[in-house]
Amino acid sequence: MQINTVWAQRLQANFGVTATMITHDFCWSMRAGAYILRYEINSANGSFWDGVGHYHSRTPKFKMEYIDRVYQNSLRF
């Protein structure tokens, strides 16, 4: 999962998870991404789709584009 530097710094400060761990270990990458997604869903008062959008951006235009992209990709499965 893609994790930006702001989150990488926060994960290291709060949990000791380094950027190297995230970029070189698939399991740590997925754990970090899952943590961030859950954090964003919680921040969006439990709204799954708002949490997904916030994972990418809180700017409404970019958030909605990302939500649409994730939704469209989910239809393939």
PDB file of N, CA and C in Angstrom:
ATOM      1  N   MET A   1       0.847  -1.181   0.000  1.00  0.00           N
ATOM      2  CA  MET A   1       0.000   0.000   0.000  1.00  0.00           C
ATOM      3  C   MET A   1       0.884   1.233   0.000  1.00  0.00           C
ATOM      4  N   GLN A   2       0.386   2.269  -0.592  1.00  0.00           N
ATOM      5  CA  GLN A   2       1.156   3.508  -0.677  1.00  0.00           C
ATOM      6  C   GLN A   2       0.949   4.333   0.589  1.00  0.00           C
ATOM      7  N   ILE A   3       2.065   4.748   1.196  1.00  0.00           N
ATOM      8  CA  ILE A   3       2.014   5.497   2.447  1.00  0.00           C
ATOM      9  C   ILE A   3       2.901   6.719   2.305  1.00  0.00           C
ATOM     10  N   ASN A   4       2.333   7.894   2.572  1.00  0.00           N
ATOM     11  CA  ASN A   4       3.115   9.115   2.384  1.00  0.00           C
ATOM     12  C   ASN A   4       4.057   9.364   3.564  1.00  0.00           C
ATOM     13  N   THR A   5       4.949  10.325   3.393  1.00  0.00           N
ATOM     14  CA  THR A   5       5.983  10.571   4.398  1.00  0.00           C
ATOM     15  C   THR A   5       5.416  11.092   5.713  1.00  0.00           C
ATOM     16  N   VAL A   6       4.323  11.830   5.655  1.00  0.00           N
ATOM     17  CA  VAL A   6       3.709  12.312   6.903  1.00  0.00           C
ATOM     18  C   VAL A   6       3.277  11.126   7.755  1.00  0.00           C
ATOM     19  N   TRP A   7       2.609  10.161   7.127  1.00  0.00           N
ATOM     20  CA  TRP A   7       2.191   8.975   7.868  1.00  0.00           C
ATOM     21  C   TRP A   7       3.384   8.132   8.284  1.00  0.00           C
ATOM     22  N   ALA A   8       4.394   8.025   7.442  1.00  0.00           N
ATOM     23  CA  ALA A   8       5.587   7.246   7.801  1.00  0.00           C
ATOM     24  C   ALA A   8       6.228   7.819   9.060  1.00  0.00           C
ATOM     25  N   GLN A   9       6.328   9.134   9.130  1.00  0.00           N
ATOM     26  CA  GLN A   9       6.904   9.776  10.319  1.00  0.00           C
ATOM     27  C   GLN A   9       6.029   9.529  11.546  1.00  0.00           C
ATOM     28  N   ARG A  10       4.730   9.611  11.376  1.00  0.00           N
ATOM     29  CA  ARG A  10       3.807   9.391  12.492  1.00  0.00           C
ATOM     30  C   ARG A  10       3.880   7.948  12.990  1.00  0.00           C
ATOM     31  N   LEU A  11       3.953   7.001  12.050  1.00  0.00           N
ATOM     32  CA  LEU A  11       4.044   5.591  12.432  1.00  0.00           C
ATOM     33  C   LEU A  11       5.342   5.306  13.178  1.00  0.00           C
ATOM     34  N   GLN A  12       6.422   5.942  12.741  1.00  0.00           N
ATOM     35  CA  GLN A  12       7.694   5.731  13.435  1.00  0.00           C
ATOM     36  C   GLN A  12       7.653   6.342  14.833  1.00  0.00           C
ATOM     37  N   ALA A  13       7.147   7.563  14.942  1.00  0.00           N
ATOM     38  CA  ALA A  13       7.101   8.241  16.241  1.00  0.00           C
ATOM     39  C   ALA A  13       6.195   7.512  17.236  1.00  0.00           C
ATOM     40  N   ASN A  14       5.060   7.023  16.763  1.00  0.00           N
ATOM     41  CA  ASN A  14       4.076   6.412  17.667  1.00  0.00           C
ATOM     42  C   ASN A  14       4.276   4.921  17.909  1.00  0.00           C
ATOM     43  N   PHE A  15       4.817   4.210  16.907  1.00  0.00           N
ATOM     44  CA  PHE A  15       4.873   2.755  17.012  1.00  0.00           C
ATOM     45  C   PHE A  15       6.245   2.155  16.722  1.00  0.00           C
ATOM     46  N   GLY A  16       7.208   2.973  16.332  1.00  0.00           N
ATOM     47  CA  GLY A  16       8.537   2.456  16.016  1.00  0.00           C
ATOM     48  C   GLY A  16       8.620   1.752  14.670  1.00  0.00           C
ATOM     49  N   VAL A  17       7.619   1.929  13.833  1.00  0.00           N
ATOM     50  CA  VAL A  17       7.607   1.320  12.497  1.00  0.00           C
ATOM     51  C   VAL A  17       8.331   2.274  11.551  1.00  0.00           C
ATOM     52  N   THR A  18       9.453   1.831  11.012  1.00  0.00           N
ATOM     53  CA  THR A  18      10.269   2.706  10.170  1.00  0.00           C
ATOM     54  C   THR A  18       9.809   2.675   8.715  1.00  0.00           C
ATOM     55  N   ALA A  19      10.230   3.689   7.975  1.00  0.00           N
ATOM     56  CA  ALA A  19       9.929   3.738   6.537  1.00  0.00           C
ATOM     57  C   ALA A  19      10.533   2.531   5.830  1.00  0.00           C
ATOM     58  N   THR A  20      11.699   2.097   6.264  1.00  0.00           N
ATOM     59  CA  THR A  20      12.341   0.916   5.664  1.00  0.00           C
ATOM     60  C   THR A  20      11.485  -0.325   5.883  1.00  0.00           C
ATOM     61  N   MET A  21      10.938  -0.467   7.068  1.00  0.00           N
ATOM     62  CA  MET A  21      10.069  -1.619   7.342  1.00  0.00           C
ATOM     63  C   MET A  21       8.865  -1.612   6.401  1.00  0.00           C
ATOM     64  N   ILE A  22       8.292  -0.434   6.198  1.00  0.00           N
ATOM     65  CA  ILE A  22       7.099  -0.315   5.357  1.00  0.00           C
ATOM     66  C   ILE A  22       7.425  -0.579   3.889  1.00  0.00           C
ATOM     67  N   THR A  23       8.567  -0.077   3.425  1.00  0.00           N
ATOM     68  CA  THR A  23       8.882  -0.206   1.997  1.00  0.00           C
ATOM     69  C   THR A  23       9.496  -1.551   1.630  1.00  0.00           C
ATOM     70  N   HIS A  24      10.071  -2.261   2.587  1.00  0.00           N
ATOM     71  CA  HIS A  24      10.750  -3.516   2.264  1.00  0.00           C
ATOM     72  C   HIS A  24      10.046  -4.768   2.783  1.00  0.00           C
ATOM     73  N   ASP A  25       8.970  -4.595   3.505  1.00  0.00           N
ATOM     74  CA  ASP A  25       8.262  -5.747   4.061  1.00  0.00           C
ATOM     75  C   ASP A  25       6.773  -5.595   3.748  1.00  0.00           C
ATOM     76  N   PHE A  26       6.281  -6.460   2.879  1.00  0.00           N
ATOM     77  CA  PHE A  26       4.890  -6.385   2.438  1.00  0.00           C
ATOM     78  C   PHE A  26       3.914  -6.423   3.612  1.00  0.00           C
ATOM     79  N   CYS A  27       4.196  -7.267   4.592  1.00  0.00           N
ATOM     80  CA  CYS A  27       3.287  -7.377   5.738  1.00  0.00           C
ATOM     81  C   CYS A  27       3.210  -6.069   6.514  1.00  0.00           C
ATOM     82  N   TRP A  28       4.355  -5.423   6.739  1.00  0.00           N
ATOM     83  CA  TRP A  28       4.342  -4.129   7.439  1.00  0.00           C
ATOM     84  C   TRP A  28       3.640  -3.073   6.607  1.00  0.00           C
ATOM     85  N   SER A  29       3.809  -3.127   5.308  1.00  0.00           N
ATOM     86  CA  SER A  29       3.129  -2.175   4.431  1.00  0.00           C
ATOM     87  C   SER A  29       1.612  -2.323   4.554  1.00  0.00           C
ATOM     88  N   MET A  30       1.137  -3.553   4.526  1.00  0.00           N
ATOM     89  CA  MET A  30      -0.301  -3.802   4.636  1.00  0.00           C
ATOM     90  C   MET A  30      -0.829  -3.423   6.015  1.00  0.00           C
ATOM     91  N   ARG A  31      -0.068  -3.738   7.059  1.00  0.00           N
ATOM     92  CA  ARG A  31      -0.489  -3.359   8.418  1.00  0.00           C
ATOM     93  C   ARG A  31      -0.600  -1.848   8.548  1.00  0.00           C
ATOM     94  N   ALA A  32       0.403  -1.152   8.036  1.00  0.00           N
ATOM     95  CA  ALA A  32       0.398   0.311   8.112  1.00  0.00           C
ATOM     96  C   ALA A  32      -0.777   0.877   7.322  1.00  0.00           C
ATOM     97  N   GLY A  33      -0.985   0.373   6.115  1.00  0.00           N
ATOM     98  CA  GLY A  33      -2.097   0.844   5.297  1.00  0.00           C
ATOM     99  C   GLY A  33      -3.444   0.570   5.948  1.00  0.00           C
ATOM    100  N   ALA A  34      -3.590  -0.607   6.541  1.00  0.00           N
ATOM    101  CA  ALA A  34      -4.843  -0.953   7.227  1.00  0.00           C
ATOM    102  C   ALA A  34      -5.067  -0.046   8.433  1.00  0.00           C
ATOM    103  N   TYR A  35      -4.000   0.237   9.166  1.00  0.00           N
ATOM    104  CA  TYR A  35      -4.109   1.141  10.317  1.00  0.00           C
ATOM    105  C   TYR A  35      -4.569   2.524   9.862  1.00  0.00           C
ATOM    106  N   ILE A  36      -3.933   3.036   8.812  1.00  0.00           N
ATOM    107  CA  ILE A  36      -4.274   4.371   8.311  1.00  0.00           C
ATOM    108  C   ILE A  36      -5.719   4.401   7.815  1.00  0.00           C
ATOM    109  N   LEU A  37      -6.118   3.387   7.067  1.00  0.00           N
ATOM    110  CA  LEU A  37      -7.494   3.342   6.567  1.00  0.00           C
ATOM    111  C   LEU A  37      -8.486   3.314   7.730  1.00  0.00           C
ATOM    112  N   ARG A  38      -8.233   2.488   8.735  1.00  0.00           N
ATOM    113  CA  ARG A  38      -9.129   2.432   9.900  1.00  0.00           C
ATOM    114  C   ARG A  38      -9.158   3.782  10.612  1.00  0.00           C
ATOM    115  N   TYR A  39      -8.006   4.419  10.749  1.00  0.00           N
ATOM    116  CA  TYR A  39      -7.925   5.739  11.375  1.00  0.00           C
ATOM    117  C   TYR A  39      -8.794   6.740  10.614  1.00  0.00           C
ATOM    118  N   GLU A  40      -8.693   6.713   9.293  1.00  0.00           N
ATOM    119  CA  GLU A  40      -9.463   7.655   8.469  1.00  0.00           C
ATOM    120  C   GLU A  40     -10.958   7.353   8.509  1.00  0.00           C
ATOM    121  N   ILE A  41     -11.329   6.077   8.543  1.00  0.00           N
ATOM    122  CA  ILE A  41     -12.744   5.717   8.665  1.00  0.00           C
ATOM    123  C   ILE A  41     -13.281   6.211  10.009  1.00  0.00           C
ATOM    124  N   ASN A  42     -12.526   5.993  11.066  1.00  0.00           N
ATOM    125  CA  ASN A  42     -12.944   6.483  12.384  1.00  0.00           C
ATOM    126  C   ASN A  42     -13.076   7.999  12.381  1.00  0.00           C
ATOM    127  N   SER A  43     -12.124   8.678  11.741  1.00  0.00           N
ATOM    128  CA  SER A  43     -12.160  10.145  11.671  1.00  0.00           C
ATOM    129  C   SER A  43     -13.358  10.648  10.868  1.00  0.00           C
ATOM    130  N   ALA A  44     -13.862   9.797   9.978  1.00  0.00           N
ATOM    131  CA  ALA A  44     -15.025  10.154   9.153  1.00  0.00           C
ATOM    132  C   ALA A  44     -16.320   9.647   9.793  1.00  0.00           C
ATOM    133  N   ASN A  45     -16.305   9.492  11.114  1.00  0.00           N
ATOM    134  CA  ASN A  45     -17.488   9.031  11.860  1.00  0.00           C
ATOM    135  C   ASN A  45     -18.012   7.688  11.368  1.00  0.00           C
ATOM    136  N   GLY A  46     -17.092   6.809  10.966  1.00  0.00           N
ATOM    137  CA  GLY A  46     -17.473   5.467  10.556  1.00  0.00           C
ATOM    138  C   GLY A  46     -17.851   5.318   9.096  1.00  0.00           C
ATOM    139  N   SER A  47     -17.788   6.389   8.332  1.00  0.00           N
ATOM    140  CA  SER A  47     -18.137   6.304   6.910  1.00  0.00           C
ATOM    141  C   SER A  47     -16.994   5.644   6.136  1.00  0.00           C
ATOM    142  N   PHE A  48     -17.274   4.441   5.616  1.00  0.00           N
ATOM    143  CA  PHE A  48     -16.243   3.717   4.877  1.00  0.00           C
ATOM    144  C   PHE A  48     -15.734   4.530   3.696  1.00  0.00           C
ATOM    145  N   TRP A  49     -16.649   5.039   2.862  1.00  0.00           N
ATOM    146  CA  TRP A  49     -16.222   5.721   1.639  1.00  0.00           C
ATOM    147  C   TRP A  49     -15.533   7.044   1.928  1.00  0.00           C
ATOM    148  N   ASP A  50     -15.984   7.776   2.929  1.00  0.00           N
ATOM    149  CA  ASP A  50     -15.257   8.997   3.290  1.00  0.00           C
ATOM    150  C   ASP A  50     -13.867   8.647   3.809  1.00  0.00           C
ATOM    151  N   GLY A  51     -13.765   7.556   4.572  1.00  0.00           N
ATOM    152  CA  GLY A  51     -12.455   7.111   5.047  1.00  0.00           C
ATOM    153  C   GLY A  51     -11.537   6.735   3.903  1.00  0.00           C
ATOM    154  N   VAL A  52     -12.083   6.036   2.914  1.00  0.00           N
ATOM    155  CA  VAL A  52     -11.292   5.689   1.723  1.00  0.00           C
ATOM    156  C   VAL A  52     -10.813   6.961   1.033  1.00  0.00           C
ATOM    157  N   GLY A  53     -11.703   7.916   0.872  1.00  0.00           N
ATOM    158  CA  GLY A  53     -11.331   9.178   0.234  1.00  0.00           C
ATOM    159  C   GLY A  53     -10.285   9.935   1.018  1.00  0.00           C
ATOM    160  N   HIS A  54     -10.438   9.955   2.342  1.00  0.00           N
ATOM    161  CA  HIS A  54      -9.472  10.657   3.187  1.00  0.00           C
ATOM    162  C   HIS A  54      -8.115   9.971   3.189  1.00  0.00           C
ATOM    163  N   TYR A  55      -8.089   8.668   2.947  1.00  0.00           N
ATOM    164  CA  TYR A  55      -6.814   7.950   2.841  1.00  0.00           C
ATOM    165  C   TYR A  55      -5.957   8.596   1.756  1.00  0.00           C
ATOM    166  N   HIS A  56      -6.615   9.060   0.711  1.00  0.00           N
ATOM    167  CA  HIS A  56      -5.912   9.678  -0.416  1.00  0.00           C
ATOM    168  C   HIS A  56      -5.750  11.180  -0.228  1.00  0.00           C
ATOM    169  N   SER A  57      -6.845  11.874   0.084  1.00  0.00           N
ATOM    170  CA  SER A  57      -6.805  13.337   0.187  1.00  0.00           C
ATOM    171  C   SER A  57      -8.066  13.840   0.875  1.00  0.00           C
ATOM    172  N   ARG A  58      -7.924  14.914   1.617  1.00  0.00           N
ATOM    173  CA  ARG A  58      -9.104  15.551   2.211  1.00  0.00           C
ATOM    174  C   ARG A  58      -9.645  16.660   1.317  1.00  0.00           C
ATOM    175  N   THR A  59      -8.947  16.960   0.242  1.00  0.00           N
ATOM    176  CA  THR A  59      -9.439  17.938  -0.729  1.00  0.00           C
ATOM    177  C   THR A  59     -10.609  17.292  -1.474  1.00  0.00           C
ATOM    178  N   PRO A  60     -11.807  17.885  -1.398  1.00  0.00           N
ATOM    179  CA  PRO A  60     -13.000  17.233  -1.948  1.00  0.00           C
ATOM    180  C   PRO A  60     -12.849  16.709  -3.381  1.00  0.00           C
ATOM    181  N   LYS A  61     -12.276  17.475  -4.274  1.00  0.00           N
ATOM    182  CA  LYS A  61     -12.134  17.046  -5.672  1.00  0.00           C
ATOM    183  C   LYS A  61     -11.303  15.767  -5.770  1.00  0.00           C
ATOM    184  N   PHE A  62     -10.148  15.749  -5.112  1.00  0.00           N
ATOM    185  CA  PHE A  62      -9.258  14.589  -5.185  1.00  0.00           C
ATOM    186  C   PHE A  62      -9.829  13.406  -4.410  1.00  0.00           C
ATOM    187  N   LYS A  63     -10.480  13.705  -3.300  1.00  0.00           N
ATOM    188  CA  LYS A  63     -11.127  12.662  -2.505  1.00  0.00           C
ATOM    189  C   LYS A  63     -12.177  11.938  -3.340  1.00  0.00           C
ATOM    190  N   MET A  64     -13.055  12.696  -4.015  1.00  0.00           N
ATOM    191  CA  MET A  64     -14.130  12.081  -4.798  1.00  0.00           C
ATOM    192  C   MET A  64     -13.586  11.306  -6.000  1.00  0.00           C
ATOM    193  N   GLU A  65     -12.558  11.835  -6.639  1.00  0.00           N
ATOM    194  CA  GLU A  65     -11.946  11.109  -7.758  1.00  0.00           C
ATOM    195  C   GLU A  65     -11.377   9.773  -7.285  1.00  0.00           C
ATOM    196  N   TYR A  66     -10.742   9.776  -6.119  1.00  0.00           N
ATOM    197  CA  TYR A  66     -10.150   8.549  -5.584  1.00  0.00           C
ATOM    198  C   TYR A  66     -11.240   7.553  -5.190  1.00  0.00           C
ATOM    199  N   ILE A  67     -12.293   8.048  -4.529  1.00  0.00           N
ATOM    200  CA  ILE A  67     -13.407   7.169  -4.165  1.00  0.00           C
ATOM    201  C   ILE A  67     -13.977   6.506  -5.416  1.00  0.00           C
ATOM    202  N   ASP A  68     -14.184   7.277  -6.466  1.00  0.00           N
ATOM    203  CA  ASP A  68     -14.726   6.725  -7.708  1.00  0.00           C
ATOM    204  C   ASP A  68     -13.794   5.677  -8.303  1.00  0.00           C
ATOM    205  N   ARG A  69     -12.496   5.960  -8.275  1.00  0.00           N
ATOM    206  CA  ARG A  69     -11.519   5.008  -8.819  1.00  0.00           C
ATOM    207  C   ARG A  69     -11.533   3.696  -8.029  1.00  0.00           C
ATOM    208  N   VAL A  70     -11.543   3.797  -6.701  1.00  0.00           N
ATOM    209  CA  VAL A  70     -11.581   2.589  -5.869  1.00  0.00           C
ATOM    210  C   VAL A  70     -12.885   1.832  -6.106  1.00  0.00           C
ATOM    211  N   TYR A  71     -13.992   2.552  -6.157  1.00  0.00           N
ATOM    212  CA  TYR A  71     -15.287   1.911  -6.386  1.00  0.00           C
ATOM    213  C   TYR A  71     -15.310   1.194  -7.736  1.00  0.00           C
ATOM    214  N   GLN A  72     -14.880   1.872  -8.791  1.00  0.00           N
ATOM    215  CA  GLN A  72     -14.864   1.260 -10.125  1.00  0.00           C
ATOM    216  C   GLN A  72     -13.986   0.009 -10.144  1.00  0.00           C
ATOM    217  N   ASN A  73     -12.846   0.064  -9.480  1.00  0.00           N
ATOM    218  CA  ASN A  73     -11.973  -1.116  -9.409  1.00  0.00           C
ATOM    219  C   ASN A  73     -12.624  -2.242  -8.615  1.00  0.00           C
ATOM    220  N   SER A  74     -13.407  -1.897  -7.588  1.00  0.00           N
ATOM    221  CA  SER A  74     -14.056  -2.930  -6.776  1.00  0.00           C
ATOM    222  C   SER A  74     -15.101  -3.700  -7.577  1.00  0.00           C
ATOM    223  N   LEU A  75     -15.672  -3.082  -8.588  1.00  0.00           N
ATOM    224  CA  LEU A  75     -16.692  -3.746  -9.403  1.00  0.00           C
ATOM    225  C   LEU A  75     -16.115  -4.881 -10.238  1.00  0.00           C
ATOM    226  N   ARG A  76     -14.816  -4.886 -10.415  1.00  0.00           N
ATOM    227  CA  ARG A  76     -14.170  -5.945 -11.199  1.00  0.00           C
ATOM    228  C   ARG A  76     -14.112  -7.264 -10.441  1.00  0.00           C
ATOM    229  N   PHE A  77     -14.376  -7.241  -9.140  1.00  0.00           N
ATOM    230  CA  PHE A  77     -14.223  -8.457  -8.325  1.00  0.00           C
ATOM    231  C   PHE A  77     -15.527  -9.035  -7.892  1.00  0.00           C
TER     232      PHE A  77
END
